[in-house]
C-alpha atoms as a PDB file:
ATOM      1  CA  MET A   1      17.390   8.773  27.891  1.00  0.00           C
ATOM      2  CA  PRO A   2      19.808  11.723  27.726  1.00  0.00           C
ATOM      3  CA  PHE A   3      22.493  11.737  25.101  1.00  0.00           C
ATOM      4  CA  PRO A   4      25.911  10.642  26.390  1.00  0.00           C
ATOM      5  CA  GLY A   5      27.694  13.437  28.208  1.00  0.00           C
ATOM      6  CA  ARG A   6      24.632  15.671  28.287  1.00  0.00           C
ATOM      7  CA  SER A   7      22.560  16.658  31.307  1.00  0.00           C
ATOM      8  CA  LEU A   8      18.833  17.368  31.120  1.00  0.00           C
ATOM      9  CA  CYS A   9      19.294  21.042  31.884  1.00  0.00           C
ATOM     10  CA  GLY A  10      21.494  23.933  30.830  1.00  0.00           C
ATOM     11  CA  THR A  11      22.579  25.083  27.404  1.00  0.00           C
ATOM     12  CA  VAL A  12      25.310  24.342  24.893  1.00  0.00           C
ATOM     13  CA  ASN A  13      26.466  27.056  22.505  1.00  0.00           C
ATOM     14  CA  GLY A  14      23.463  29.143  23.479  1.00  0.00           C
ATOM     15  CA  MET A  15      20.945  26.369  22.763  1.00  0.00           C
ATOM     16  CA  THR A  16      18.997  24.485  25.379  1.00  0.00           C
ATOM     17  CA  GLU A  17      19.924  20.830  25.789  1.00  0.00           C
ATOM     18  CA  THR A  18      16.296  19.795  26.140  1.00  0.00           C
ATOM     19  CA  MET A  19      13.115  20.481  24.220  1.00  0.00           C
ATOM     20  CA  ARG A  20       9.368  20.219  24.564  1.00  0.00           C
ATOM     21  CA  ALA A  21       7.690  17.622  22.366  1.00  0.00           C
ATOM     22  CA  ILE A  22       4.356  15.863  21.972  1.00  0.00           C
ATOM     23  CA  SER A  23       4.823  12.153  22.574  1.00  0.00           C
ATOM     24  CA  GLN A  24       2.743   9.084  23.339  1.00  0.00           C
ATOM     25  CA  ASP A  25       3.459   5.839  25.153  1.00  0.00           C
ATOM     26  CA  THR A  26       0.588   3.834  23.698  1.00  0.00           C
ATOM     27  CA  LEU A  27      -1.763   3.805  20.722  1.00  0.00           C
ATOM     28  CA  GLY A  28      -5.174   5.344  21.203  1.00  0.00           C
ATOM     29  CA  GLY A  29      -7.271   8.490  20.976  1.00  0.00           C
ATOM     30  CA  PRO A  30      -6.034  12.087  21.210  1.00  0.00           C
ATOM     31  CA  GLU A  31      -5.838  11.723  24.991  1.00  0.00           C
ATOM     32  CA  VAL A  32      -2.707   9.551  24.678  1.00  0.00           C
ATOM     33  CA  LEU A  33      -0.752  12.571  23.435  1.00  0.00           C
ATOM     34  CA  ARG A  34       1.178  14.395  26.137  1.00  0.00           C
ATOM     35  CA  GLU A  35       3.775  17.128  26.367  1.00  0.00           C
ATOM     36  CA  VAL A  36       7.173  15.821  27.478  1.00  0.00           C
ATOM     37  CA  GLU A  37      10.736  17.050  27.799  1.00  0.00           C
ATOM     38  CA  LEU A  38      13.269  15.241  25.642  1.00  0.00           C
ATOM     39  CA  PRO A  39      16.950  15.706  24.838  1.00  0.00           C
ATOM     40  CA  ARG A  40      17.510  18.119  21.977  1.00  0.00           C
ATOM     41  CA  PRO A  41      18.892  16.149  19.016  1.00  0.00           C
ATOM     42  CA  ASP A  42      22.164  16.934  17.263  1.00  0.00           C
ATOM     43  CA  PRO A  43      22.536  16.982  13.465  1.00  0.00           C
ATOM     44  CA  GLY A  44      24.555  14.168  11.957  1.00  0.00           C
ATOM     45  CA  PRO A  45      26.294  14.099   8.583  1.00  0.00           C
ATOM     46  CA  SER A  46      24.211  15.792   5.859  1.00  0.00           C
ATOM     47  CA  GLN A  47      21.558  16.800   8.399  1.00  0.00           C
ATOM     48  CA  LEU A  48      20.033  20.026   9.656  1.00  0.00           C
ATOM     49  CA  LEU A  49      18.925  20.873  13.167  1.00  0.00           C
ATOM     50  CA  VAL A  50      15.806  22.995  12.717  1.00  0.00           C
ATOM     51  CA  ARG A  51      14.082  25.034  15.396  1.00  0.00           C
ATOM     52  CA  VAL A  52      10.449  24.317  14.604  1.00  0.00           C
ATOM     53  CA  ARG A  53       8.115  27.264  14.171  1.00  0.00           C
ATOM     54  CA  ALA A  54       5.147  25.420  12.670  1.00  0.00           C
ATOM     55  CA  ALA A  55       4.243  21.818  11.841  1.00  0.00           C
ATOM     56  CA  GLY A  56       1.297  20.798   9.702  1.00  0.00           C
ATOM     57  CA  LEU A  57      -0.870  17.814  10.569  1.00  0.00           C
ATOM     58  CA  ASN A  58      -2.041  15.185   8.105  1.00  0.00           C
ATOM     59  CA  PRO A  59      -4.383  12.182   8.344  1.00  0.00           C
ATOM     60  CA  THR A  60      -1.352   9.923   8.649  1.00  0.00           C
ATOM     61  CA  ASP A  61      -0.647  11.579  12.022  1.00  0.00           C
ATOM     62  CA  TRP A  62      -3.889  10.502  13.699  1.00  0.00           C
ATOM     63  CA  LYS A  63      -3.826   7.138  11.961  1.00  0.00           C
ATOM     64  CA  HIS A  64      -0.361   6.382  13.322  1.00  0.00           C
ATOM     65  CA  ARG A  65      -1.399   7.709  16.719  1.00  0.00           C
ATOM     66  CA  ALA A  66      -4.307   5.275  16.940  1.00  0.00           C
ATOM     67  CA  LEU A  67      -3.870   2.254  14.688  1.00  0.00           C
ATOM     68  CA  PRO A  68      -1.503  -0.732  14.889  1.00  0.00           C
ATOM     69  CA  GLY A  69       0.139  -2.293  11.869  1.00  0.00           C
ATOM     70  CA  LEU A  70       1.016   0.861   9.966  1.00  0.00           C
ATOM     71  CA  PHE A  71       4.567   1.942   9.131  1.00  0.00           C
ATOM     72  CA  LEU A  72       5.965   2.753  12.569  1.00  0.00           C
ATOM     73  CA  PRO A  73       6.953   0.394  15.384  1.00  0.00           C
ATOM     74  CA  ALA A  74       5.121   0.566  18.686  1.00  0.00           C
ATOM     75  CA  PRO A  75       5.358   3.823  20.675  1.00  0.00           C
ATOM     76  CA  PRO A  76       6.778   5.785  22.362  1.00  0.00           C
ATOM     77  CA  PHE A  77       7.281   8.187  19.477  1.00  0.00           C
ATOM     78  CA  VAL A  78       6.916  11.825  18.450  1.00  0.00           C
ATOM     79  CA  LEU A  79       4.780  12.211  15.337  1.00  0.00           C
ATOM     80  CA  GLY A  80       4.780  14.936  12.687  1.00  0.00           C
ATOM     81  CA  TRP A  81       6.361  15.093   9.229  1.00  0.00           C
ATOM     82  CA  ASP A  82       5.635  18.651   8.070  1.00  0.00           C
ATOM     83  CA  VAL A  83       7.950  21.356   9.378  1.00  0.00           C
ATOM     84  CA  SER A  84       8.790  25.002   8.872  1.00  0.00           C
ATOM     85  CA  GLY A  85      11.422  26.702  10.948  1.00  0.00           C
ATOM     86  CA  VAL A  86      14.920  28.129  11.260  1.00  0.00           C
ATOM     87  CA  VAL A  87      18.202  26.259  10.843  1.00  0.00           C
ATOM     88  CA  GLU A  88      20.002  26.185  14.190  1.00  0.00           C
ATOM     89  CA  ALA A  89      22.965  24.025  13.180  1.00  0.00           C
ATOM     90  CA  VAL A  90      24.191  21.966  10.234  1.00  0.00           C
ATOM     91  CA  GLY A  91      25.932  18.633  10.258  1.00  0.00           C
ATOM     92  CA  PRO A  92      29.138  17.752   8.410  1.00  0.00           C
ATOM     93  CA  GLY A  93      28.865  17.950   4.640  1.00  0.00           C
ATOM     94  CA  VAL A  94      25.915  20.347   4.389  1.00  0.00           C
ATOM     95  CA  THR A  95      26.426  23.057   1.773  1.00  0.00           C
ATOM     96  CA  LEU A  96      22.883  24.132   0.857  1.00  0.00           C
ATOM     97  CA  PHE A  97      21.941  25.785   4.147  1.00  0.00           C
ATOM     98  CA  ALA A  98      23.480  27.712   7.021  1.00  0.00           C
ATOM     99  CA  PRO A  99      22.373  28.583  10.551  1.00  0.00           C
ATOM    100  CA  GLY A 100      19.715  31.286  10.442  1.00  0.00           C
ATOM    101  CA  ASP A 101      18.147  30.156   7.154  1.00  0.00           C
ATOM    102  CA  GLU A 102      14.378  29.811   7.142  1.00  0.00           C
ATOM    103  CA  VAL A 103      13.459  26.435   5.693  1.00  0.00           C
ATOM    104  CA  PHE A 104      10.499  24.139   5.244  1.00  0.00           C
ATOM    105  CA  GLY A 105      10.140  20.546   4.193  1.00  0.00           C
ATOM    106  CA  MET A 106       8.826  17.059   4.839  1.00  0.00           C
ATOM    107  CA  LEU A 107      10.814  14.727   7.058  1.00  0.00           C
ATOM    108  CA  PRO A 108      11.446  11.389   5.298  1.00  0.00           C
ATOM    109  CA  TYR A 109       8.193   9.463   5.302  1.00  0.00           C
ATOM    110  CA  PRO A 110       7.453   7.316   7.197  1.00  0.00           C
ATOM    111  CA  HIS A 111      10.424   6.811   9.520  1.00  0.00           C
ATOM    112  CA  GLY A 112      11.720  10.394   9.749  1.00  0.00           C
ATOM    113  CA  HIS A 113       8.848  11.642  11.916  1.00  0.00           C
ATOM    114  CA  GLY A 114       9.284  13.992  14.872  1.00  0.00           C
ATOM    115  CA  SER A 115       8.263  17.558  13.989  1.00  0.00           C
ATOM    116  CA  LEU A 116       5.831  18.042  16.906  1.00  0.00           C
ATOM    117  CA  ALA A 117       8.691  19.365  18.986  1.00  0.00           C
ATOM    118  CA  GLU A 118      10.774  22.480  19.508  1.00  0.00           C
ATOM    119  CA  TYR A 119      13.641  21.014  17.466  1.00  0.00           C
ATOM    120  CA  VAL A 120      13.966  18.345  14.834  1.00  0.00           C
ATOM    121  CA  VAL A 121      16.767  16.896  12.709  1.00  0.00           C
ATOM    122  CA  GLY A 122      16.377  15.794   9.120  1.00  0.00           C
ATOM    123  CA  PRO A 123      18.341  15.361   5.900  1.00  0.00           C
ATOM    124  CA  ALA A 124      19.343  18.696   4.424  1.00  0.00           C
ATOM    125  CA  ARG A 125      17.865  17.700   1.079  1.00  0.00           C
ATOM    126  CA  ALA A 126      14.442  17.129   2.620  1.00  0.00           C
ATOM    127  CA  PHE A 127      14.198  20.920   2.925  1.00  0.00           C
ATOM    128  CA  ALA A 128      14.003  24.003   0.755  1.00  0.00           C
ATOM    129  CA  HIS A 129      14.392  27.677   1.570  1.00  0.00           C
ATOM    130  CA  LYS A 130      11.091  29.129   2.746  1.00  0.00           C
ATOM    131  CA  PRO A 131       9.959  31.984   0.483  1.00  0.00           C
ATOM    132  CA  ALA A 132      10.381  35.276   2.344  1.00  0.00           C
ATOM    133  CA  GLY A 133       6.799  36.330   1.679  1.00  0.00           C
ATOM    134  CA  VAL A 134       5.307  33.126   3.095  1.00  0.00           C
ATOM    135  CA  ASP A 135       4.852  32.831   6.856  1.00  0.00           C
ATOM    136  CA  HIS A 136       5.750  29.751   8.872  1.00  0.00           C
ATOM    137  CA  ILE A 137       2.121  28.701   9.371  1.00  0.00           C
ATOM    138  CA  VAL A 138       1.484  28.541   5.630  1.00  0.00           C
ATOM    139  CA  ALA A 139       4.861  26.931   4.971  1.00  0.00           C
ATOM    140  CA  GLY A 140       4.365  24.401   7.761  1.00  0.00           C
ATOM    141  CA  ALA A 141       0.972  23.409   6.371  1.00  0.00           C
ATOM    142  CA  THR A 142       2.271  22.666   2.909  1.00  0.00           C
ATOM    143  CA  PRO A 143       5.034  20.037   2.479  1.00  0.00           C
ATOM    144  CA  LEU A 144       3.563  16.527   2.818  1.00  0.00           C
ATOM    145  CA  ALA A 145       0.269  17.281   1.089  1.00  0.00           C
ATOM    146  CA  ALA A 146       1.837  19.393  -1.656  1.00  0.00           C
ATOM    147  CA  LEU A 147       4.633  16.893  -2.323  1.00  0.00           C
ATOM    148  CA  THR A 148       2.049  14.109  -2.516  1.00  0.00           C
ATOM    149  CA  ALA A 149       0.065  16.059  -5.108  1.00  0.00           C
ATOM    150  CA  TRP A 150       3.198  17.105  -7.020  1.00  0.00           C
ATOM    151  CA  GLN A 151       4.660  13.603  -7.128  1.00  0.00           C
ATOM    152  CA  ALA A 152       1.312  12.141  -8.216  1.00  0.00           C
ATOM    153  CA  LEU A 153       0.363  14.688 -10.864  1.00  0.00           C
ATOM    154  CA  VAL A 154       3.709  15.937 -12.155  1.00  0.00           C
ATOM    155  CA  ASP A 155       6.341  13.269 -11.491  1.00  0.00           C
ATOM    156  CA  THR A 156       4.076  10.249 -12.025  1.00  0.00           C
ATOM    157  CA  ALA A 157       1.238  11.367 -14.323  1.00  0.00           C
ATOM    158  CA  ARG A 158       3.224  14.108 -16.102  1.00  0.00           C
ATOM    159  CA  ILE A 159       0.033  16.082 -16.660  1.00  0.00           C
ATOM    160  CA  GLU A 160       0.016  18.580 -19.502  1.00  0.00           C
ATOM    161  CA  ALA A 161      -2.032  21.601 -20.446  1.00  0.00           C
ATOM    162  CA  GLY A 162      -5.502  20.688 -21.668  1.00  0.00           C
ATOM    163  CA  GLN A 163      -5.651  17.277 -20.004  1.00  0.00           C
ATOM    164  CA  ARG A 164      -8.678  16.350 -17.920  1.00  0.00           C
ATOM    165  CA  VAL A 165      -7.922  15.469 -14.293  1.00  0.00           C
ATOM    166  CA  LEU A 166     -10.339  14.014 -11.736  1.00  0.00           C
ATOM    167  CA  ILE A 167      -9.341  14.729  -8.123  1.00  0.00           C
ATOM    168  CA  HIS A 168     -11.193  12.879  -5.383  1.00  0.00           C
ATOM    169  CA  ALA A 169     -11.749  14.530  -1.999  1.00  0.00           C
ATOM    170  CA  ALA A 170     -10.779  17.786  -3.657  1.00  0.00           C
ATOM    171  CA  ALA A 171     -11.332  19.808  -0.484  1.00  0.00           C
ATOM    172  CA  GLY A 172      -8.987  17.653   1.607  1.00  0.00           C
ATOM    173  CA  GLY A 173      -5.415  18.408   2.543  1.00  0.00           C
ATOM    174  CA  VAL A 174      -3.914  16.772  -0.556  1.00  0.00           C
ATOM    175  CA  GLY A 175      -6.932  17.420  -2.754  1.00  0.00           C
ATOM    176  CA  HIS A 176      -7.152  21.210  -2.494  1.00  0.00           C
ATOM    177  CA  LEU A 177      -3.436  21.544  -3.229  1.00  0.00           C
ATOM    178  CA  ALA A 178      -3.725  19.065  -6.108  1.00  0.00           C
ATOM    179  CA  VAL A 179      -6.450  21.248  -7.630  1.00  0.00           C
ATOM    180  CA  GLN A 180      -4.082  24.213  -7.608  1.00  0.00           C
ATOM    181  CA  ILE A 181      -1.088  22.268  -8.931  1.00  0.00           C
ATOM    182  CA  ALA A 182      -3.166  20.792 -11.760  1.00  0.00           C
ATOM    183  CA  LYS A 183      -4.453  24.254 -12.690  1.00  0.00           C
ATOM    184  CA  ALA A 184      -0.924  25.650 -12.615  1.00  0.00           C
ATOM    185  CA  ARG A 185      -0.047  22.975 -15.201  1.00  0.00           C
ATOM    186  CA  GLY A 186      -2.970  24.024 -17.417  1.00  0.00           C
ATOM    187  CA  ALA A 187      -5.247  21.045 -16.766  1.00  0.00           C
ATOM    188  CA  TYR A 188      -9.048  20.950 -16.744  1.00  0.00           C
ATOM    189  CA  VAL A 189      -9.889  19.981 -13.167  1.00  0.00           C
ATOM    190  CA  ILE A 190     -12.904  17.976 -12.012  1.00  0.00           C
ATOM    191  CA  GLY A 191     -13.262  17.525  -8.272  1.00  0.00           C
ATOM    192  CA  THR A 192     -15.464  15.523  -5.935  1.00  0.00           C
ATOM    193  CA  ALA A 193     -16.517  17.253  -2.704  1.00  0.00           C
ATOM    194  CA  SER A 194     -19.611  18.059  -0.687  1.00  0.00           C
ATOM    195  CA  ALA A 195     -21.684  20.919  -2.088  1.00  0.00           C
ATOM    196  CA  ALA A 196     -20.812  23.218   0.813  1.00  0.00           C
ATOM    197  CA  LYS A 197     -17.172  23.237  -0.338  1.00  0.00           C
ATOM    198  CA  HIS A 198     -17.792  23.895  -4.034  1.00  0.00           C
ATOM    199  CA  ASP A 199     -17.492  27.688  -3.913  1.00  0.00           C
ATOM    200  CA  HIS A 200     -14.133  27.448  -2.173  1.00  0.00           C
ATOM    201  CA  LEU A 201     -12.851  24.951  -4.718  1.00  0.00           C
ATOM    202  CA  ARG A 202     -14.031  27.100  -7.625  1.00  0.00           C
ATOM    203  CA  ALA A 203     -12.030  29.961  -6.127  1.00  0.00           C
ATOM    204  CA  LEU A 204      -8.985  27.651  -6.139  1.00  0.00           C
ATOM    205  CA  GLY A 205      -9.500  26.964  -9.839  1.00  0.00           C
ATOM    206  CA  ALA A 206     -11.643  23.817 -10.127  1.00  0.00           C
ATOM    207  CA  ASP A 207     -13.523  23.776 -13.430  1.00  0.00           C
ATOM    208  CA  GLU A 208     -16.183  21.199 -12.600  1.00  0.00           C
ATOM    209  CA  LEU A 209     -17.392  19.878  -9.255  1.00  0.00           C
ATOM    210  CA  ILE A 210     -19.429  16.834  -8.258  1.00  0.00           C
ATOM    211  CA  ASP A 211     -21.327  16.549  -4.986  1.00  0.00           C
ATOM    212  CA  TYR A 212     -20.519  12.965  -4.067  1.00  0.00           C
ATOM    213  CA  ARG A 213     -23.513  12.902  -1.709  1.00  0.00           C
ATOM    214  CA  THR A 214     -26.044  13.347  -4.512  1.00  0.00           C
ATOM    215  CA  VAL A 215     -24.225  12.348  -7.717  1.00  0.00           C
ATOM    216  CA  ASP A 216     -22.367   9.141  -8.544  1.00  0.00           C
ATOM    217  CA  PHE A 217     -19.122  10.287 -10.116  1.00  0.00           C
ATOM    218  CA  ALA A 218     -18.752   6.890 -11.789  1.00  0.00           C
ATOM    219  CA  ASP A 219     -21.815   7.711 -13.902  1.00  0.00           C
ATOM    220  CA  ALA A 220     -21.135  11.423 -14.335  1.00  0.00           C
ATOM    221  CA  VAL A 221     -17.484  11.456 -15.429  1.00  0.00           C
ATOM    222  CA  ARG A 222     -15.860  10.004 -18.547  1.00  0.00           C
ATOM    223  CA  ASP A 223     -12.743  10.418 -20.670  1.00  0.00           C
ATOM    224  CA  VAL A 224     -10.386  11.839 -18.081  1.00  0.00           C
ATOM    225  CA  ASP A 225      -6.657  11.527 -18.583  1.00  0.00           C
ATOM    226  CA  VAL A 226      -5.696  11.250 -14.911  1.00  0.00           C
ATOM    227  CA  VAL A 227      -7.485  10.318 -11.697  1.00  0.00           C
ATOM    228  CA  LEU A 228      -5.930  11.189  -8.329  1.00  0.00           C
ATOM    229  CA  ASP A 229      -7.483   8.996  -5.650  1.00  0.00           C
ATOM    230  CA  THR A 230      -7.040   9.834  -1.973  1.00  0.00           C
ATOM    231  CA  LEU A 231      -9.797   7.588  -0.581  1.00  0.00           C
ATOM    232  CA  GLY A 232      -8.786   3.948  -1.054  1.00  0.00           C
ATOM    233  CA  PRO A 233      -9.122   0.743  -3.106  1.00  0.00           C
ATOM    234  CA  GLU A 234     -12.917   0.692  -3.495  1.00  0.00           C
ATOM    235  CA  ASN A 235     -12.940   4.238  -4.814  1.00  0.00           C
ATOM    236  CA  CYS A 236     -10.092   3.307  -7.169  1.00  0.00           C
ATOM    237  CA  ARG A 237     -12.093   0.455  -8.665  1.00  0.00           C
ATOM    238  CA  ARG A 238     -15.095   2.704  -9.198  1.00  0.00           C
ATOM    239  CA  SER A 239     -12.836   5.308 -10.850  1.00  0.00           C
ATOM    240  CA  LEU A 240     -11.428   3.035 -13.558  1.00  0.00           C
ATOM    241  CA  PRO A 241     -14.370   3.527 -15.986  1.00  0.00           C
ATOM    242  CA  THR A 242     -13.907   7.309 -15.870  1.00  0.00           C
ATOM    243  CA  LEU A 243     -10.521   7.068 -17.610  1.00  0.00           C
ATOM    244  CA  ARG A 244      -9.972   7.336 -21.341  1.00  0.00           C
ATOM    245  CA  PRO A 245      -7.967   4.508 -22.975  1.00  0.00           C
ATOM    246  CA  GLY A 246      -4.374   4.839 -21.842  1.00  0.00           C
ATOM    247  CA  GLY A 247      -5.330   7.044 -18.911  1.00  0.00           C
ATOM    248  CA  LEU A 248      -3.714   6.773 -15.485  1.00  0.00           C
ATOM    249  CA  LEU A 249      -5.137   6.281 -12.006  1.00  0.00           C
ATOM    250  CA  VAL A 250      -2.766   7.318  -9.207  1.00  0.00           C
ATOM    251  CA  SER A 251      -3.711   6.333  -5.660  1.00  0.00           C
ATOM    252  CA  ILE A 252      -2.075   7.286  -2.382  1.00  0.00           C
ATOM    253  CA  LEU A 253      -4.157   4.781  -0.352  1.00  0.00           C
ATOM    254  CA  ALA A 254      -4.177   1.570  -2.375  1.00  0.00           C
ATOM    255  CA  LEU A 255      -0.651   0.282  -1.841  1.00  0.00           C
ATOM    256  CA  ARG A 256      -1.795  -3.198  -0.843  1.00  0.00           C
ATOM    257  CA  ASP A 257      -4.508  -3.879  -3.434  1.00  0.00           C
ATOM    258  CA  ALA A 258      -2.687  -6.389  -5.630  1.00  0.00           C
ATOM    259  CA  GLU A 259      -5.615  -6.702  -8.064  1.00  0.00           C
ATOM    260  CA  LEU A 260      -5.816  -3.079  -9.168  1.00  0.00           C
ATOM    261  CA  PRO A 261      -3.030  -3.177 -11.792  1.00  0.00           C
ATOM    262  CA  ALA A 262      -4.699  -6.128 -13.528  1.00  0.00           C
ATOM    263  CA  LEU A 263      -8.160  -4.548 -13.308  1.00  0.00           C
ATOM    264  CA  ALA A 264      -6.755  -1.381 -14.855  1.00  0.00           C
ATOM    265  CA  ALA A 265      -5.021  -3.305 -17.630  1.00  0.00           C
ATOM    266  CA  GLU A 266      -8.274  -5.097 -18.492  1.00  0.00           C
ATOM    267  CA  ARG A 267      -9.795  -1.688 -19.206  1.00  0.00           C
ATOM    268  CA  GLY A 268      -6.827  -0.455 -21.196  1.00  0.00           C
ATOM    269  CA  VAL A 269      -5.719   2.014 -18.530  1.00  0.00           C
ATOM    270  CA  ARG A 270      -2.841   2.215 -16.077  1.00  0.00           C
ATOM    271  CA  PHE A 271      -2.581   2.184 -12.283  1.00  0.00           C
ATOM    272  CA  ALA A 272       0.124   3.530  -9.961  1.00  0.00           C
ATOM    273  CA  SER A 273       0.288   3.545  -6.164  1.00  0.00           C
ATOM    274  CA  LEU A 274       2.272   6.344  -4.578  1.00  0.00           C
ATOM    275  CA  LEU A 275       3.987   6.756  -1.224  1.00  0.00           C
ATOM    276  CA  VAL A 276       5.248  10.309  -0.813  1.00  0.00           C
ATOM    277  CA  GLU A 277       9.021  10.782  -0.597  1.00  0.00           C
ATOM    278  CA  ALA A 278      11.186  13.527   0.874  1.00  0.00           C
ATOM    279  CA  ASP A 279      12.305  15.473  -2.175  1.00  0.00           C
ATOM    280  CA  HIS A 280      14.520  18.570  -2.373  1.00  0.00           C
ATOM    281  CA  GLU A 281      13.675  19.339  -6.003  1.00  0.00           C
ATOM    282  CA  GLY A 282       9.984  18.806  -5.343  1.00  0.00           C
ATOM    283  CA  MET A 283      10.157  21.170  -2.379  1.00  0.00           C
ATOM    284  CA  ARG A 284      11.883  23.788  -4.543  1.00  0.00           C
ATOM    285  CA  ALA A 285       9.061  23.474  -7.063  1.00  0.00           C
ATOM    286  CA  VAL A 286       6.492  23.821  -4.276  1.00  0.00           C
ATOM    287  CA  ALA A 287       8.354  26.856  -2.938  1.00  0.00           C
ATOM    288  CA  GLY A 288       8.187  28.451  -6.380  1.00  0.00           C
ATOM    289  CA  LEU A 289       4.432  27.891  -6.578  1.00  0.00           C
ATOM    290  CA  LEU A 290       3.946  29.394  -3.112  1.00  0.00           C
ATOM    291  CA  GLU A 291       6.092  32.387  -3.986  1.00  0.00           C
ATOM    292  CA  SER A 292       4.203  33.040  -7.219  1.00  0.00           C
ATOM    293  CA  GLY A 293       0.805  32.725  -5.547  1.00  0.00           C
ATOM    294  CA  ALA A 294      -0.185  29.733  -7.694  1.00  0.00           C
ATOM    295  CA  LEU A 295      -0.359  27.571  -4.554  1.00  0.00           C
ATOM    296  CA  SER A 296      -1.889  28.529  -1.233  1.00  0.00           C
ATOM    297  CA  PRO A 297      -2.928  26.037   1.449  1.00  0.00           C
ATOM    298  CA  THR A 298      -6.215  26.662   3.178  1.00  0.00           C
ATOM    299  CA  ILE A 299      -5.640  26.863   6.932  1.00  0.00           C
ATOM    300  CA  ALA A 300      -8.436  25.136   8.829  1.00  0.00           C
ATOM    301  CA  GLY A 301      -7.058  25.875  12.294  1.00  0.00           C
ATOM    302  CA  VAL A 302      -3.921  26.787  14.228  1.00  0.00           C
ATOM    303  CA  PHE A 303      -3.077  25.335  17.651  1.00  0.00           C
ATOM    304  CA  PRO A 304      -0.128  25.800  20.030  1.00  0.00           C
ATOM    305  CA  LEU A 305       2.028  22.767  20.726  1.00  0.00           C
ATOM    306  CA  ALA A 306       0.333  22.031  24.055  1.00  0.00           C
ATOM    307  CA  GLU A 307      -3.031  21.760  22.290  1.00  0.00           C
ATOM    308  CA  ALA A 308      -1.949  19.092  19.812  1.00  0.00           C
ATOM    309  CA  PRO A 309      -4.579  16.679  21.222  1.00  0.00           C
ATOM    310  CA  LYS A 310      -7.333  19.177  20.313  1.00  0.00           C
ATOM    311  CA  ALA A 311      -5.950  19.482  16.784  1.00  0.00           C
ATOM    312  CA  HIS A 312      -5.851  15.694  16.397  1.00  0.00           C
ATOM    313  CA  ALA A 313      -9.441  15.394  17.628  1.00  0.00           C
ATOM    314  CA  LEU A 314     -10.608  18.000  15.130  1.00  0.00           C
ATOM    315  CA  GLY A 315      -8.643  16.496  12.263  1.00  0.00           C
ATOM    316  CA  GLU A 316     -10.011  13.010  12.631  1.00  0.00           C
ATOM    317  CA  THR A 317     -13.596  14.267  12.346  1.00  0.00           C
ATOM    318  CA  ASP A 318     -12.792  14.509   8.624  1.00  0.00           C
ATOM    319  CA  ARG A 319     -14.824  17.712   8.418  1.00  0.00           C
ATOM    320  CA  THR A 320     -12.097  20.319   8.132  1.00  0.00           C
ATOM    321  CA  LEU A 321     -11.438  22.284   4.956  1.00  0.00           C
ATOM    322  CA  GLY A 322      -7.697  22.390   4.318  1.00  0.00           C
ATOM    323  CA  LYS A 323      -4.892  21.938   6.830  1.00  0.00           C
ATOM    324  CA  LEU A 324      -4.431  22.071  10.606  1.00  0.00           C
ATOM    325  CA  VAL A 325      -1.177  23.522  11.914  1.00  0.00           C
ATOM    326  CA  ILE A 326       0.680  23.311  15.229  1.00  0.00           C
ATOM    327  CA  THR A 327       2.795  26.339  16.163  1.00  0.00           C
ATOM    328  CA  VAL A 328       5.870  26.185  18.393  1.00  0.00           C
ATOM    329  CA  ASP A 329       7.029  29.332  20.209  1.00  0.00           C
END
């Protein structure tokens, strides 16, 4: 429905009152996604209105598109949490940004979704200034996956130079950024990935790689300080013996496994489950890593907004290396 007092055509203060977006009316495959015209949102207190230039996709996008019982209520909804773009307007109380600033960030997960559109609103402190030398595609690919890795490895595990870190699915969206963040902190990085992706991961800084198709990591790895699991509860359980006494397993996909903390304690190790949070200071740290060249997302493909269904279909094959990005002109 239109906003009160606003028609579905025309402009206000030089900005269109409507916007293109990718929405869905039902759960299902990529074919349920369709381009629609919606009212352009207005920023409320402490919010930014951002004209979207690029929006990264993550596995949570196609899972929410297709599966019931996750975080969001039933559709219709516009998905997308990653965003890079230009501030069009600021709401009351915003002091960190001004119209014209280039910003990037993660909309509050899970209920702040909506970046697969020409415009999006979000809390000012979900964003950071985009480094001038980083384009919108790279910036749009980064936030959710990089914040997940940062919050797991730095905020939660507090990894230090010389520590041994095992990163599962090291070539995935979170994994390949976690490799780089761990190396930037001086860690020794062990990654699991198919053999075809090993050369790329070595170039990103991985010290040791395990082909999960031919080698059982549970037999091959011991005495690590931190495990980052991105695969789920069963993989978590198999990872516990790889930890040294007092070590920490951080999982982003085992929120509902109530037995894992006790299983970890029985082995003299610790367990933490993480749900990524919008984080201004984390985004500033990520921006610094991008600017210095210590962090660089691998771009697996770039699609215009109208081809979002194609990007979803490719992403859920689970065969891409790095991140898929939607651009908005």
